[in-house]
Each structure stands twice: as structure tokens, then as C-alpha cells.
Amino acid sequence: MNDTATAPKDYTHVDQIATMSKKQTEMKIHIPIVDDEQWNPDLEFWVELYNPEQTDTNDRLPGVDTRCKVTILDEDFPGTIGFAITEIRVSSN
């Protein structure tokens, strides 16, 4: 779900059915991020889980772990670090 990041400009929308066994505790979902050469602020979107058998409703599954915010960190043109004074003179007393 879009937030400050929007599909397909910033990421590729993924609509897939995730089937897990009873013993399985995690699953990875690949969501392609669009990498451009322009600087952008960090952008965010949401990953939400729904019951695929309930096609007549858009209610996500209950629970706090069925919605996750994803932050796209922009690493184009990283900032610079500098000092206000670049030269300091000291005496060797």
C-alpha cells in the first residue's frame, strides 16, 4: 500500500499468495525497489497480509504482525562531512 513511496515509480507492487506450513515461522517476500540516480528523501510503503479466500472484502488479517512499514533509504549522492575550521595552529611549548 502506498505511503510516501508509490508503485510503480518507487517500488513494484507485489500481489502473491504466501502459503506456509504449520512448522514454518517465516517467509521472505521479494519486492523490487526502483533504483534511480536522483536524490529523494527516504520513502515508505506498507506490506499488508490478507486472506486470499475472502475475495469479496479488503480487510487485512487480524493481528499486529500482518502490516509492516517498509522504508526505502536513498543512498544516491550521499552527504558530505566537513569542519568549520580546516586548519589549526598549535605551538609546541
C-alpha atoms as a PDB file:
ATOM      1  CA  MET A   1       0.000   0.000   0.000  1.00  0.00           C
ATOM      2  CA  ASN A   2       1.363   3.411  -0.940  1.00  0.00           C
ATOM      3  CA  ASP A   3       2.537   5.950   1.605  1.00  0.00           C
ATOM      4  CA  THR A   4       5.237   8.441   0.622  1.00  0.00           C
ATOM      5  CA  ALA A   5       6.543   5.818  -1.841  1.00  0.00           C
ATOM      6  CA  THR A   6       4.252   4.954  -4.754  1.00  0.00           C
ATOM      7  CA  ALA A   7       4.119   1.993  -7.104  1.00  0.00           C
ATOM      8  CA  PRO A   8       5.363   1.690  -9.825  1.00  0.00           C
ATOM      9  CA  LYS A   9       7.501   4.846  -9.525  1.00  0.00           C
ATOM     10  CA  ASP A  10       9.374   3.812  -6.353  1.00  0.00           C
ATOM     11  CA  TYR A  11       8.712   0.061  -5.970  1.00  0.00           C
ATOM     12  CA  THR A  12       6.949  -2.775  -7.777  1.00  0.00           C
ATOM     13  CA  HIS A  13       3.569  -3.770  -6.367  1.00  0.00           C
ATOM     14  CA  VAL A  14       3.543  -7.479  -5.454  1.00  0.00           C
ATOM     15  CA  ASP A  15       0.320  -9.459  -5.194  1.00  0.00           C
ATOM     16  CA  GLN A  16       1.142 -13.058  -4.302  1.00  0.00           C
ATOM     17  CA  ILE A  17      -0.281 -15.865  -2.223  1.00  0.00           C
ATOM     18  CA  ALA A  18       2.034 -16.906   0.613  1.00  0.00           C
ATOM     19  CA  THR A  19       1.382 -20.466   1.788  1.00  0.00           C
ATOM     20  CA  MET A  20       3.176 -21.598   4.925  1.00  0.00           C
ATOM     21  CA  SER A  21       3.374 -24.992   6.621  1.00  0.00           C
ATOM     22  CA  LYS A  22       2.415 -25.375  10.299  1.00  0.00           C
ATOM     23  CA  LYS A  23       6.080 -25.560  11.353  1.00  0.00           C
ATOM     24  CA  GLN A  24       7.223 -22.638   9.209  1.00  0.00           C
ATOM     25  CA  THR A  25       7.892 -19.466  11.213  1.00  0.00           C
ATOM     26  CA  GLU A  26       8.940 -17.034   8.484  1.00  0.00           C
ATOM     27  CA  MET A  27       8.702 -16.372   4.765  1.00  0.00           C
ATOM     28  CA  LYS A  28      10.536 -13.924   2.529  1.00  0.00           C
ATOM     29  CA  ILE A  29       8.653 -11.839   0.001  1.00  0.00           C
ATOM     30  CA  HIS A  30      10.667 -10.103  -2.727  1.00  0.00           C
ATOM     31  CA  ILE A  31       9.502  -6.548  -3.503  1.00  0.00           C
ATOM     32  CA  PRO A  32      11.655  -4.886  -6.192  1.00  0.00           C
ATOM     33  CA  ILE A  33      12.711  -1.318  -5.381  1.00  0.00           C
ATOM     34  CA  VAL A  34      13.196   1.119  -8.274  1.00  0.00           C
ATOM     35  CA  ASP A  35      16.776   2.423  -8.211  1.00  0.00           C
ATOM     36  CA  ASP A  36      17.222   5.752  -9.949  1.00  0.00           C
ATOM     37  CA  GLU A  37      20.061   8.241  -9.945  1.00  0.00           C
ATOM     38  CA  GLN A  38      18.015  11.077  -8.456  1.00  0.00           C
ATOM     39  CA  TRP A  39      18.176  12.085  -4.827  1.00  0.00           C
ATOM     40  CA  ASN A  40      14.921  11.529  -2.956  1.00  0.00           C
ATOM     41  CA  PRO A  41      14.095  11.705   0.719  1.00  0.00           C
ATOM     42  CA  ASP A  42      13.574   8.350   2.407  1.00  0.00           C
ATOM     43  CA  LEU A  43      10.247   6.952   1.195  1.00  0.00           C
ATOM     44  CA  GLU A  44       7.838   4.498   2.827  1.00  0.00           C
ATOM     45  CA  PHE A  45       5.179   1.987   1.840  1.00  0.00           C
ATOM     46  CA  TRP A  46       3.227  -0.751   3.620  1.00  0.00           C
ATOM     47  CA  VAL A  47       3.125  -4.530   3.212  1.00  0.00           C
ATOM     48  CA  GLU A  48      -0.193  -5.988   4.354  1.00  0.00           C
ATOM     49  CA  LEU A  49      -1.450  -9.565   4.609  1.00  0.00           C
ATOM     50  CA  TYR A  50      -4.968 -10.559   3.548  1.00  0.00           C
ATOM     51  CA  ASN A  51      -6.910 -13.813   3.460  1.00  0.00           C
ATOM     52  CA  PRO A  52      -6.947 -14.827  -0.242  1.00  0.00           C
ATOM     53  CA  GLU A  53     -10.148 -16.834   0.264  1.00  0.00           C
ATOM     54  CA  GLN A  54     -12.085 -13.683   1.150  1.00  0.00           C
ATOM     55  CA  THR A  55     -12.063 -12.068  -2.285  1.00  0.00           C
ATOM     56  CA  ASP A  56     -15.187 -10.016  -1.567  1.00  0.00           C
ATOM     57  CA  THR A  57     -13.524  -7.936   1.160  1.00  0.00           C
ATOM     58  CA  ASN A  58     -10.379  -5.849   1.509  1.00  0.00           C
ATOM     59  CA  ASP A  59     -10.000  -6.480   5.251  1.00  0.00           C
ATOM     60  CA  ARG A  60      -6.462  -7.425   6.177  1.00  0.00           C
ATOM     61  CA  LEU A  61      -5.796 -10.329   8.505  1.00  0.00           C
ATOM     62  CA  PRO A  62      -6.159  -9.547  12.231  1.00  0.00           C
ATOM     63  CA  GLY A  63      -3.074  -9.042  14.373  1.00  0.00           C
ATOM     64  CA  VAL A  64      -0.266  -6.559  14.774  1.00  0.00           C
ATOM     65  CA  ASP A  65       2.097  -8.656  12.643  1.00  0.00           C
ATOM     66  CA  THR A  66       0.021  -8.526   9.452  1.00  0.00           C
ATOM     67  CA  ARG A  67       1.086  -4.990   8.493  1.00  0.00           C
ATOM     68  CA  CYS A  68       4.666  -3.786   8.073  1.00  0.00           C
ATOM     69  CA  LYS A  69       6.061  -0.382   7.094  1.00  0.00           C
ATOM     70  CA  VAL A  70       8.988  -0.524   4.647  1.00  0.00           C
ATOM     71  CA  THR A  71      11.404   2.416   4.390  1.00  0.00           C
ATOM     72  CA  ILE A  72      13.367   2.932   1.166  1.00  0.00           C
ATOM     73  CA  LEU A  73      16.635   4.604   2.134  1.00  0.00           C
ATOM     74  CA  ASP A  74      18.006   6.886  -0.573  1.00  0.00           C
ATOM     75  CA  GLU A  75      21.718   6.383  -0.991  1.00  0.00           C
ATOM     76  CA  ASP A  76      22.185   8.475  -4.141  1.00  0.00           C
ATOM     77  CA  PHE A  77      24.526  11.391  -3.661  1.00  0.00           C
ATOM     78  CA  PRO A  78      25.453  10.818  -0.028  1.00  0.00           C
ATOM     79  CA  GLY A  79      26.047  13.846   2.162  1.00  0.00           C
ATOM     80  CA  THR A  80      29.447  15.260   2.996  1.00  0.00           C
ATOM     81  CA  ILE A  81      31.116  15.858   6.303  1.00  0.00           C
ATOM     82  CA  GLY A  82      33.318  18.832   6.978  1.00  0.00           C
ATOM     83  CA  PHE A  83      34.710  21.048   9.696  1.00  0.00           C
ATOM     84  CA  ALA A  84      34.102  24.752  10.205  1.00  0.00           C
ATOM     85  CA  ILE A  85      37.843  25.278  10.686  1.00  0.00           C
ATOM     86  CA  THR A  86      40.103  23.271   8.387  1.00  0.00           C
ATOM     87  CA  GLU A  87      43.440  24.447   9.803  1.00  0.00           C
ATOM     88  CA  ILE A  88      44.516  24.847  13.437  1.00  0.00           C
ATOM     89  CA  ARG A  89      47.916  26.176  14.552  1.00  0.00           C
ATOM     90  CA  VAL A  90      49.432  24.897  17.788  1.00  0.00           C
ATOM     91  CA  SER A  91      52.719  25.670  19.468  1.00  0.00           C
ATOM     92  CA  SER A  92      54.971  23.001  20.932  1.00  0.00           C
ATOM     93  CA  ASN A  93      55.694  24.566  24.369  1.00  0.00           C
END
